[in-house]
Amino acid sequence: MQEITKEANTRMLKSLDTFKHELTKVRTGRASPALLDHVKVLSYGTEMPLNQVANVTAENARTLLVTPWDKSSIPVIEKAIIAANLGLNPTTSGSVIRVPMPALNEERRKELVKVVRDETENARVAMRNIRRDANQASKDLLKEKKINEDEERRMQTEIQKLTDKLIAEVDKALAGKEAELMEV
């Protein structure tokens, strides 16, 4: 019984972490190094994540600073950032690449809010699926007569409380990201 609840908790927390990571990829007006996490750079014959060929930092609220470890990879990194379709235009100044964050217009902000809401719904669905699996496992234990009905009901209540708590965290993260997006 404890194992099923523990596994459901672990899986839901992983879903929550994945959701929060997906939110960091959504561009707001603020510069965040996580925005370039999924950019792949062709370096030494293989595709590598940008953070393995360069140091990415936020120079200020509106600019990312990319410092390549190998100066000869600067043009390749620039092309990779442009090819990532993030709407960013990197500029090279010496041995660093500056990536200014353009201001978001109202229409683009609303589109991004829709994207964030879709991600939120996906996270909620994932958690509900985990709840369904855990509840099914408790029903199976009841059928096998390994637990009684009271224990099954108690377990389902516990799983529901866990689900409600983590979905509330997802909603809180959504509200924070929406507020961040709609800032002018």
N, C-alpha and C. Protein backbone atom coordinates (compact mmCIF):
# COMPACT_ATOMS: atom_id res chain seq x y z
N MET A 1 0.83 -1.19 0.00
CA MET A 1 0.00 0.00 0.00
C MET A 1 0.88 1.26 0.00
N GLN A 2 1.85 1.27 0.91
CA GLN A 2 2.76 2.41 1.01
C GLN A 2 3.56 2.59 -0.28
N GLU A 3 3.94 1.45 -0.88
CA GLU A 3 4.73 1.51 -2.12
C GLU A 3 3.96 2.20 -3.24
N ILE A 4 2.69 1.88 -3.35
CA ILE A 4 1.87 2.47 -4.43
C ILE A 4 1.77 3.98 -4.24
N THR A 5 1.51 4.41 -3.01
CA THR A 5 1.41 5.85 -2.71
C THR A 5 2.75 6.53 -2.95
N LYS A 6 3.82 5.89 -2.53
CA LYS A 6 5.17 6.46 -2.70
C LYS A 6 5.52 6.59 -4.18
N GLU A 7 5.21 5.55 -4.95
CA GLU A 7 5.50 5.59 -6.39
C GLU A 7 4.67 6.68 -7.08
N ALA A 8 3.39 6.81 -6.70
CA ALA A 8 2.54 7.86 -7.28
C ALA A 8 3.11 9.24 -6.95
N ASN A 9 3.56 9.41 -5.70
CA ASN A 9 4.15 10.68 -5.28
C ASN A 9 5.39 10.99 -6.11
N THR A 10 6.27 10.01 -6.28
CA THR A 10 7.50 10.19 -7.05
C THR A 10 7.19 10.57 -8.50
N ARG A 11 6.27 9.84 -9.11
CA ARG A 11 5.92 10.10 -10.51
C ARG A 11 5.29 11.48 -10.67
N MET A 12 4.43 11.89 -9.71
CA MET A 12 3.80 13.21 -9.80
C MET A 12 4.83 14.32 -9.63
N LEU A 13 5.78 14.12 -8.72
CA LEU A 13 6.83 15.13 -8.54
C LEU A 13 7.69 15.26 -9.79
N LYS A 14 7.96 14.14 -10.46
CA LYS A 14 8.71 14.19 -11.72
C LYS A 14 7.92 14.96 -12.78
N SER A 15 6.61 14.73 -12.82
CA SER A 15 5.76 15.47 -13.78
C SER A 15 5.80 16.96 -13.48
N LEU A 16 5.75 17.31 -12.19
CA LEU A 16 5.81 18.71 -11.78
C LEU A 16 7.14 19.34 -12.19
N ASP A 17 8.24 18.63 -11.96
CA ASP A 17 9.56 19.14 -12.35
C ASP A 17 9.65 19.33 -13.86
N THR A 18 9.14 18.37 -14.61
CA THR A 18 9.15 18.47 -16.07
C THR A 18 8.35 19.68 -16.53
N PHE A 19 7.18 19.87 -15.92
CA PHE A 19 6.34 21.02 -16.25
C PHE A 19 7.07 22.33 -15.98
N LYS A 20 7.69 22.43 -14.80
CA LYS A 20 8.41 23.67 -14.47
C LYS A 20 9.58 23.90 -15.43
N HIS A 21 10.24 22.82 -15.84
CA HIS A 21 11.34 22.96 -16.81
C HIS A 21 10.80 23.45 -18.16
N GLU A 22 9.65 22.94 -18.57
CA GLU A 22 9.04 23.38 -19.83
C GLU A 22 8.68 24.87 -19.75
N LEU A 23 8.25 25.32 -18.58
CA LEU A 23 7.90 26.73 -18.43
C LEU A 23 9.11 27.64 -18.61
N THR A 24 10.29 27.17 -18.20
CA THR A 24 11.48 28.01 -18.33
C THR A 24 11.83 28.23 -19.81
N LYS A 25 11.38 27.34 -20.68
CA LYS A 25 11.67 27.48 -22.11
C LYS A 25 10.80 28.54 -22.78
N VAL A 26 9.69 28.89 -22.14
CA VAL A 26 8.80 29.90 -22.72
C VAL A 26 9.42 31.26 -22.49
N ARG A 27 9.63 31.97 -23.58
CA ARG A 27 10.34 33.25 -23.51
C ARG A 27 9.44 34.35 -22.96
N THR A 28 9.95 35.03 -21.97
CA THR A 28 9.29 36.23 -21.48
C THR A 28 10.18 37.39 -21.89
N GLY A 29 9.88 38.58 -21.49
CA GLY A 29 10.71 39.73 -21.83
C GLY A 29 12.04 39.71 -21.09
N ARG A 30 12.14 38.86 -20.07
CA ARG A 30 13.33 38.80 -19.23
C ARG A 30 14.32 37.78 -19.77
N ALA A 31 15.60 38.09 -19.69
CA ALA A 31 16.65 37.18 -20.17
C ALA A 31 16.85 36.06 -19.15
N SER A 32 16.78 34.81 -19.63
CA SER A 32 17.01 33.65 -18.78
C SER A 32 17.89 32.66 -19.54
N PRO A 33 19.02 32.26 -18.94
CA PRO A 33 19.91 31.30 -19.62
C PRO A 33 19.19 29.99 -19.99
N ALA A 34 18.15 29.63 -19.26
CA ALA A 34 17.40 28.40 -19.54
C ALA A 34 16.73 28.45 -20.90
N LEU A 35 16.55 29.65 -21.44
CA LEU A 35 15.91 29.82 -22.74
C LEU A 35 16.72 29.14 -23.85
N LEU A 36 18.03 29.08 -23.68
CA LEU A 36 18.90 28.50 -24.71
C LEU A 36 19.30 27.04 -24.39
N ASP A 37 18.69 26.45 -23.37
CA ASP A 37 19.04 25.08 -22.96
C ASP A 37 18.87 24.05 -24.07
N HIS A 38 17.84 24.19 -24.87
CA HIS A 38 17.58 23.16 -25.89
C HIS A 38 18.24 23.46 -27.24
N VAL A 39 19.03 24.54 -27.32
CA VAL A 39 19.75 24.87 -28.56
C VAL A 39 20.90 23.89 -28.75
N LYS A 40 20.95 23.26 -29.92
CA LYS A 40 22.02 22.30 -30.24
C LYS A 40 23.00 22.94 -31.20
N VAL A 41 24.29 22.74 -30.93
CA VAL A 41 25.36 23.32 -31.73
C VAL A 41 26.18 22.19 -32.36
N LEU A 42 26.47 22.30 -33.65
CA LEU A 42 27.30 21.31 -34.33
C LEU A 42 28.76 21.65 -34.02
N SER A 43 29.36 20.85 -33.14
CA SER A 43 30.72 21.14 -32.70
C SER A 43 31.55 19.86 -32.75
N TYR A 44 32.69 19.93 -33.41
CA TYR A 44 33.58 18.78 -33.54
C TYR A 44 32.86 17.56 -34.13
N GLY A 45 32.00 17.81 -35.09
CA GLY A 45 31.34 16.73 -35.81
C GLY A 45 30.11 16.13 -35.13
N THR A 46 29.74 16.61 -33.93
CA THR A 46 28.54 16.10 -33.27
C THR A 46 27.69 17.25 -32.78
N GLU A 47 26.38 16.97 -32.65
CA GLU A 47 25.48 17.99 -32.10
C GLU A 47 25.55 17.94 -30.59
N MET A 48 25.82 19.10 -30.00
CA MET A 48 25.95 19.18 -28.55
C MET A 48 25.06 20.31 -28.03
N PRO A 49 24.56 20.19 -26.80
CA PRO A 49 23.81 21.30 -26.21
C PRO A 49 24.72 22.52 -26.09
N LEU A 50 24.14 23.69 -26.25
CA LEU A 50 24.90 24.94 -26.20
C LEU A 50 25.68 25.06 -24.89
N ASN A 51 25.08 24.64 -23.77
CA ASN A 51 25.77 24.81 -22.49
C ASN A 51 26.98 23.90 -22.33
N GLN A 52 27.24 23.00 -23.31
CA GLN A 52 28.44 22.17 -23.27
C GLN A 52 29.58 22.74 -24.12
N VAL A 53 29.28 23.77 -24.91
CA VAL A 53 30.32 24.39 -25.73
C VAL A 53 30.55 25.85 -25.36
N ALA A 54 29.68 26.37 -24.47
CA ALA A 54 29.80 27.78 -24.09
C ALA A 54 29.17 28.00 -22.73
N ASN A 55 29.54 29.11 -22.13
CA ASN A 55 28.94 29.52 -20.86
C ASN A 55 27.83 30.52 -21.19
N VAL A 56 26.62 30.27 -20.70
CA VAL A 56 25.48 31.15 -20.97
C VAL A 56 25.08 31.83 -19.67
N THR A 57 25.10 33.17 -19.66
CA THR A 57 24.70 33.92 -18.46
C THR A 57 23.80 35.07 -18.87
N ALA A 58 23.09 35.61 -17.89
CA ALA A 58 22.26 36.79 -18.14
C ALA A 58 23.13 38.01 -17.81
N GLU A 59 23.46 38.78 -18.85
CA GLU A 59 24.29 39.97 -18.64
C GLU A 59 23.49 41.02 -17.88
N ASN A 60 22.25 41.21 -18.30
CA ASN A 60 21.31 42.09 -17.60
C ASN A 60 19.90 41.55 -17.86
N ALA A 61 18.89 42.30 -17.50
CA ALA A 61 17.51 41.81 -17.62
C ALA A 61 17.08 41.56 -19.06
N ARG A 62 17.75 42.18 -20.01
CA ARG A 62 17.34 42.06 -21.41
C ARG A 62 18.38 41.44 -22.33
N THR A 63 19.52 40.97 -21.79
CA THR A 63 20.58 40.44 -22.64
C THR A 63 21.20 39.17 -22.06
N LEU A 64 21.34 38.17 -22.93
CA LEU A 64 22.07 36.96 -22.57
C LEU A 64 23.49 37.08 -23.12
N LEU A 65 24.45 36.58 -22.37
CA LEU A 65 25.83 36.62 -22.79
C LEU A 65 26.32 35.18 -22.98
N VAL A 66 26.75 34.85 -24.20
CA VAL A 66 27.24 33.52 -24.51
C VAL A 66 28.75 33.62 -24.72
N THR A 67 29.51 32.93 -23.86
CA THR A 67 30.97 32.96 -23.95
C THR A 67 31.45 31.57 -24.37
N PRO A 68 31.81 31.39 -25.66
CA PRO A 68 32.27 30.07 -26.12
C PRO A 68 33.63 29.73 -25.54
N TRP A 69 33.84 28.43 -25.29
CA TRP A 69 35.14 28.00 -24.79
C TRP A 69 36.15 27.91 -25.93
N ASP A 70 35.66 27.71 -27.14
CA ASP A 70 36.52 27.68 -28.32
C ASP A 70 36.08 28.84 -29.23
N LYS A 71 36.96 29.81 -29.39
CA LYS A 71 36.61 31.03 -30.14
C LYS A 71 36.21 30.73 -31.59
N SER A 72 36.73 29.64 -32.15
CA SER A 72 36.41 29.32 -33.54
C SER A 72 34.96 28.85 -33.72
N SER A 73 34.27 28.54 -32.62
CA SER A 73 32.89 28.07 -32.73
C SER A 73 31.87 29.20 -32.67
N ILE A 74 32.31 30.44 -32.60
CA ILE A 74 31.39 31.58 -32.51
C ILE A 74 30.39 31.60 -33.67
N PRO A 75 30.82 31.50 -34.95
CA PRO A 75 29.83 31.54 -36.04
C PRO A 75 28.82 30.38 -35.99
N VAL A 76 29.28 29.21 -35.58
CA VAL A 76 28.41 28.04 -35.50
C VAL A 76 27.36 28.24 -34.41
N ILE A 77 27.77 28.81 -33.28
CA ILE A 77 26.84 29.07 -32.18
C ILE A 77 25.80 30.09 -32.60
N GLU A 78 26.24 31.15 -33.29
CA GLU A 78 25.29 32.17 -33.78
C GLU A 78 24.24 31.53 -34.68
N LYS A 79 24.69 30.70 -35.63
CA LYS A 79 23.76 30.04 -36.55
C LYS A 79 22.78 29.14 -35.79
N ALA A 80 23.27 28.44 -34.78
CA ALA A 80 22.41 27.54 -34.00
C ALA A 80 21.34 28.32 -33.24
N ILE A 81 21.70 29.47 -32.69
CA ILE A 81 20.72 30.29 -31.96
C ILE A 81 19.65 30.81 -32.92
N ILE A 82 20.07 31.25 -34.11
CA ILE A 82 19.12 31.74 -35.11
C ILE A 82 18.23 30.59 -35.58
N ALA A 83 18.82 29.41 -35.81
CA ALA A 83 18.08 28.25 -36.32
C ALA A 83 17.09 27.70 -35.29
N ALA A 84 17.23 28.05 -34.02
CA ALA A 84 16.34 27.53 -32.97
C ALA A 84 14.95 28.16 -33.03
N ASN A 85 14.74 29.13 -33.90
CA ASN A 85 13.45 29.80 -34.08
C ASN A 85 12.88 30.37 -32.78
N LEU A 86 13.72 31.06 -32.04
CA LEU A 86 13.27 31.70 -30.81
C LEU A 86 13.00 33.19 -31.02
N GLY A 87 13.22 33.65 -32.24
CA GLY A 87 13.03 35.07 -32.53
C GLY A 87 14.15 35.93 -31.96
N LEU A 88 15.33 35.35 -31.84
CA LEU A 88 16.48 36.06 -31.27
C LEU A 88 17.51 36.32 -32.34
N ASN A 89 18.17 37.49 -32.24
CA ASN A 89 19.21 37.86 -33.19
C ASN A 89 20.52 38.10 -32.45
N PRO A 90 21.39 37.09 -32.40
CA PRO A 90 22.65 37.25 -31.67
C PRO A 90 23.62 38.17 -32.42
N THR A 91 24.44 38.88 -31.66
CA THR A 91 25.49 39.72 -32.24
C THR A 91 26.81 39.38 -31.57
N THR A 92 27.87 39.37 -32.38
CA THR A 92 29.19 39.04 -31.85
C THR A 92 29.95 40.31 -31.56
N SER A 93 30.57 40.34 -30.40
CA SER A 93 31.46 41.46 -30.07
C SER A 93 32.71 40.87 -29.45
N GLY A 94 33.74 40.73 -30.28
CA GLY A 94 34.99 40.14 -29.82
C GLY A 94 34.84 38.64 -29.62
N SER A 95 35.07 38.20 -28.39
CA SER A 95 35.03 36.77 -28.12
C SER A 95 33.74 36.32 -27.44
N VAL A 96 32.75 37.20 -27.40
CA VAL A 96 31.46 36.84 -26.78
C VAL A 96 30.31 37.11 -27.75
N ILE A 97 29.20 36.44 -27.51
CA ILE A 97 28.00 36.64 -28.31
C ILE A 97 26.93 37.21 -27.38
N ARG A 98 26.38 38.34 -27.77
CA ARG A 98 25.29 38.95 -26.99
C ARG A 98 23.98 38.63 -27.68
N VAL A 99 22.99 38.19 -26.88
CA VAL A 99 21.68 37.86 -27.42
C VAL A 99 20.66 38.76 -26.74
N PRO A 100 20.29 39.88 -27.42
CA PRO A 100 19.29 40.78 -26.81
C PRO A 100 17.89 40.18 -26.89
N MET A 101 17.11 40.37 -25.84
CA MET A 101 15.73 39.89 -25.79
C MET A 101 14.83 41.01 -26.31
N PRO A 102 14.18 40.78 -27.46
CA PRO A 102 13.27 41.81 -27.95
C PRO A 102 12.04 41.90 -27.06
N ALA A 103 11.48 43.09 -26.96
CA ALA A 103 10.26 43.27 -26.17
C ALA A 103 9.11 42.52 -26.84
N LEU A 104 8.25 41.95 -26.04
CA LEU A 104 7.11 41.20 -26.58
C LEU A 104 5.94 42.15 -26.81
N ASN A 105 5.27 41.98 -27.97
CA ASN A 105 4.06 42.77 -28.18
C ASN A 105 2.88 42.05 -27.55
N GLU A 106 1.75 42.73 -27.45
CA GLU A 106 0.58 42.19 -26.75
C GLU A 106 0.08 40.89 -27.38
N GLU A 107 0.08 40.84 -28.71
CA GLU A 107 -0.40 39.65 -29.41
C GLU A 107 0.48 38.43 -29.09
N ARG A 108 1.79 38.63 -29.11
CA ARG A 108 2.72 37.54 -28.83
C ARG A 108 2.59 37.07 -27.37
N ARG A 109 2.37 38.02 -26.46
CA ARG A 109 2.18 37.67 -25.06
C ARG A 109 0.98 36.74 -24.88
N LYS A 110 -0.12 37.08 -25.58
CA LYS A 110 -1.33 36.27 -25.48
C LYS A 110 -1.11 34.87 -26.06
N GLU A 111 -0.34 34.79 -27.15
CA GLU A 111 -0.01 33.48 -27.74
C GLU A 111 0.80 32.65 -26.74
N LEU A 112 1.76 33.29 -26.09
CA LEU A 112 2.60 32.58 -25.13
C LEU A 112 1.78 32.12 -23.92
N VAL A 113 0.80 32.91 -23.50
CA VAL A 113 -0.07 32.51 -22.40
C VAL A 113 -0.84 31.25 -22.80
N LYS A 114 -1.29 31.19 -24.07
CA LYS A 114 -2.00 29.99 -24.55
C LYS A 114 -1.07 28.78 -24.51
N VAL A 115 0.17 28.96 -24.92
CA VAL A 115 1.15 27.87 -24.90
C VAL A 115 1.35 27.38 -23.46
N VAL A 116 1.48 28.32 -22.53
CA VAL A 116 1.68 27.97 -21.12
C VAL A 116 0.47 27.22 -20.58
N ARG A 117 -0.73 27.68 -20.95
CA ARG A 117 -1.95 27.00 -20.49
C ARG A 117 -2.04 25.58 -21.05
N ASP A 118 -1.61 25.38 -22.30
CA ASP A 118 -1.60 24.04 -22.88
C ASP A 118 -0.64 23.13 -22.10
N GLU A 119 0.55 23.66 -21.79
CA GLU A 119 1.52 22.90 -21.00
C GLU A 119 0.95 22.54 -19.62
N THR A 120 0.22 23.50 -19.04
CA THR A 120 -0.39 23.28 -17.73
C THR A 120 -1.41 22.15 -17.81
N GLU A 121 -2.23 22.17 -18.84
CA GLU A 121 -3.24 21.12 -18.99
C GLU A 121 -2.57 19.76 -19.19
N ASN A 122 -1.47 19.74 -19.95
CA ASN A 122 -0.74 18.48 -20.13
C ASN A 122 -0.21 17.95 -18.79
N ALA A 123 0.27 18.84 -17.94
CA ALA A 123 0.77 18.43 -16.62
C ALA A 123 -0.37 17.90 -15.76
N ARG A 124 -1.51 18.57 -15.81
CA ARG A 124 -2.67 18.10 -15.03
C ARG A 124 -3.11 16.71 -15.50
N VAL A 125 -3.17 16.52 -16.81
CA VAL A 125 -3.56 15.22 -17.36
C VAL A 125 -2.58 14.14 -16.92
N ALA A 126 -1.29 14.45 -16.96
CA ALA A 126 -0.27 13.47 -16.54
C ALA A 126 -0.50 13.07 -15.08
N MET A 127 -0.79 14.05 -14.24
CA MET A 127 -1.01 13.74 -12.82
C MET A 127 -2.29 12.93 -12.62
N ARG A 128 -3.32 13.25 -13.38
CA ARG A 128 -4.57 12.48 -13.27
C ARG A 128 -4.35 11.03 -13.73
N ASN A 129 -3.52 10.86 -14.75
CA ASN A 129 -3.21 9.50 -15.21
C ASN A 129 -2.46 8.71 -14.14
N ILE A 130 -1.56 9.38 -13.46
CA ILE A 130 -0.82 8.72 -12.38
C ILE A 130 -1.79 8.35 -11.26
N ARG A 131 -2.73 9.26 -10.95
CA ARG A 131 -3.74 8.97 -9.93
C ARG A 131 -4.57 7.75 -10.33
N ARG A 132 -4.98 7.72 -11.60
CA ARG A 132 -5.78 6.60 -12.10
C ARG A 132 -5.02 5.28 -11.95
N ASP A 133 -3.74 5.29 -12.32
CA ASP A 133 -2.92 4.08 -12.20
C ASP A 133 -2.81 3.62 -10.74
N ALA A 134 -2.60 4.58 -9.83
CA ALA A 134 -2.47 4.24 -8.41
C ALA A 134 -3.80 3.69 -7.87
N ASN A 135 -4.91 4.33 -8.26
CA ASN A 135 -6.22 3.84 -7.82
C ASN A 135 -6.50 2.43 -8.36
N GLN A 136 -6.10 2.20 -9.59
CA GLN A 136 -6.28 0.87 -10.18
C GLN A 136 -5.45 -0.17 -9.42
N ALA A 137 -4.25 0.22 -9.04
CA ALA A 137 -3.39 -0.69 -8.28
C ALA A 137 -4.03 -1.03 -6.93
N SER A 138 -4.66 -0.03 -6.29
CA SER A 138 -5.32 -0.29 -5.00
C SER A 138 -6.53 -1.21 -5.19
N LYS A 139 -7.27 -1.04 -6.30
CA LYS A 139 -8.41 -1.92 -6.58
C LYS A 139 -7.94 -3.35 -6.84
N ASP A 140 -6.79 -3.47 -7.51
CA ASP A 140 -6.24 -4.80 -7.76
C ASP A 140 -5.85 -5.49 -6.45
N LEU A 141 -5.27 -4.71 -5.51
CA LEU A 141 -4.92 -5.28 -4.21
C LEU A 141 -6.18 -5.75 -3.47
N LEU A 142 -7.27 -4.98 -3.62
CA LEU A 142 -8.53 -5.36 -2.99
C LEU A 142 -9.07 -6.66 -3.59
N LYS A 143 -9.00 -6.76 -4.93
CA LYS A 143 -9.48 -7.98 -5.60
C LYS A 143 -8.67 -9.20 -5.18
N GLU A 144 -7.37 -8.99 -4.98
CA GLU A 144 -6.51 -10.10 -4.55
C GLU A 144 -6.63 -10.37 -3.05
N LYS A 145 -7.48 -9.58 -2.41
CA LYS A 145 -7.74 -9.70 -0.96
C LYS A 145 -6.48 -9.46 -0.13
N LYS A 146 -5.59 -8.58 -0.61
CA LYS A 146 -4.39 -8.24 0.16
C LYS A 146 -4.67 -7.08 1.10
N ILE A 147 -5.73 -6.29 0.77
CA ILE A 147 -6.16 -5.21 1.65
C ILE A 147 -7.68 -5.27 1.75
N ASN A 148 -8.24 -4.61 2.78
CA ASN A 148 -9.70 -4.57 2.89
C ASN A 148 -10.24 -3.28 2.28
N GLU A 149 -11.56 -3.13 2.26
CA GLU A 149 -12.19 -1.97 1.61
C GLU A 149 -11.82 -0.66 2.29
N ASP A 150 -11.72 -0.68 3.61
CA ASP A 150 -11.37 0.55 4.34
C ASP A 150 -9.97 1.02 3.95
N GLU A 151 -9.05 0.08 3.87
CA GLU A 151 -7.68 0.43 3.49
C GLU A 151 -7.64 0.96 2.07
N GLU A 152 -8.43 0.35 1.19
CA GLU A 152 -8.48 0.83 -0.20
C GLU A 152 -9.01 2.26 -0.25
N ARG A 153 -10.11 2.51 0.49
CA ARG A 153 -10.70 3.85 0.51
C ARG A 153 -9.71 4.87 1.08
N ARG A 154 -9.01 4.49 2.16
CA ARG A 154 -8.02 5.37 2.79
C ARG A 154 -6.90 5.69 1.79
N MET A 155 -6.46 4.69 1.07
CA MET A 155 -5.38 4.87 0.09
C MET A 155 -5.81 5.79 -1.04
N GLN A 156 -7.03 5.60 -1.54
CA GLN A 156 -7.52 6.44 -2.62
C GLN A 156 -7.68 7.89 -2.15
N THR A 157 -8.11 8.08 -0.91
CA THR A 157 -8.22 9.42 -0.34
C THR A 157 -6.85 10.08 -0.26
N GLU A 158 -5.87 9.31 0.18
CA GLU A 158 -4.50 9.83 0.29
C GLU A 158 -3.96 10.23 -1.09
N ILE A 159 -4.20 9.38 -2.08
CA ILE A 159 -3.75 9.66 -3.44
C ILE A 159 -4.46 10.90 -3.99
N GLN A 160 -5.75 11.04 -3.68
CA GLN A 160 -6.49 12.22 -4.15
C GLN A 160 -5.94 13.49 -3.51
N LYS A 161 -5.62 13.45 -2.22
CA LYS A 161 -5.04 14.62 -1.54
C LYS A 161 -3.71 15.00 -2.18
N LEU A 162 -2.89 14.00 -2.46
CA LEU A 162 -1.61 14.23 -3.11
C LEU A 162 -1.80 14.87 -4.49
N THR A 163 -2.75 14.33 -5.24
CA THR A 163 -3.04 14.86 -6.57
C THR A 163 -3.50 16.32 -6.48
N ASP A 164 -4.42 16.60 -5.56
CA ASP A 164 -4.93 17.97 -5.40
C ASP A 164 -3.81 18.94 -5.03
N LYS A 165 -2.92 18.49 -4.13
CA LYS A 165 -1.82 19.36 -3.69
C LYS A 165 -0.88 19.69 -4.85
N LEU A 166 -0.52 18.68 -5.64
CA LEU A 166 0.43 18.93 -6.73
C LEU A 166 -0.21 19.67 -7.90
N ILE A 167 -1.49 19.44 -8.14
CA ILE A 167 -2.17 20.21 -9.19
C ILE A 167 -2.27 21.67 -8.76
N ALA A 168 -2.45 21.93 -7.47
CA ALA A 168 -2.45 23.31 -6.96
C ALA A 168 -1.09 23.97 -7.21
N GLU A 169 0.00 23.20 -7.06
CA GLU A 169 1.33 23.74 -7.35
C GLU A 169 1.49 24.06 -8.83
N VAL A 170 0.93 23.21 -9.68
CA VAL A 170 0.96 23.46 -11.13
C VAL A 170 0.21 24.75 -11.43
N ASP A 171 -0.97 24.92 -10.83
CA ASP A 171 -1.76 26.13 -11.05
C ASP A 171 -1.04 27.37 -10.55
N LYS A 172 -0.32 27.23 -9.43
CA LYS A 172 0.45 28.35 -8.88
C LYS A 172 1.57 28.74 -9.85
N ALA A 173 2.25 27.74 -10.40
CA ALA A 173 3.32 28.01 -11.37
C ALA A 173 2.74 28.68 -12.63
N LEU A 174 1.55 28.23 -13.04
CA LEU A 174 0.88 28.85 -14.19
C LEU A 174 0.59 30.32 -13.91
N ALA A 175 0.03 30.61 -12.75
CA ALA A 175 -0.30 31.99 -12.40
C ALA A 175 0.95 32.88 -12.40
N GLY A 176 2.04 32.34 -11.86
CA GLY A 176 3.29 33.09 -11.84
C GLY A 176 3.83 33.37 -13.24
N LYS A 177 3.77 32.37 -14.11
CA LYS A 177 4.27 32.54 -15.47
C LYS A 177 3.38 33.49 -16.27
N GLU A 178 2.05 33.39 -16.08
CA GLU A 178 1.14 34.31 -16.75
C GLU A 178 1.41 35.75 -16.34
N ALA A 179 1.61 35.97 -15.04
CA ALA A 179 1.90 37.32 -14.54
C ALA A 179 3.21 37.84 -15.13
N GLU A 180 4.21 36.95 -15.22
CA GLU A 180 5.51 37.31 -15.80
C GLU A 180 5.35 37.68 -17.27
N LEU A 181 4.52 36.93 -17.99
CA LEU A 181 4.33 37.19 -19.42
C LEU A 181 3.58 38.49 -19.68
N MET A 182 2.63 38.79 -18.82
CA MET A 182 1.78 39.95 -19.08
C MET A 182 2.38 41.25 -18.53
N GLU A 183 3.54 41.15 -17.84
CA GLU A 183 4.23 42.38 -17.40
C GLU A 183 4.62 43.20 -18.61
N VAL A 184 4.49 44.49 -18.49
CA VAL A 184 4.85 45.35 -19.62
C VAL A 184 6.21 45.97 -19.41
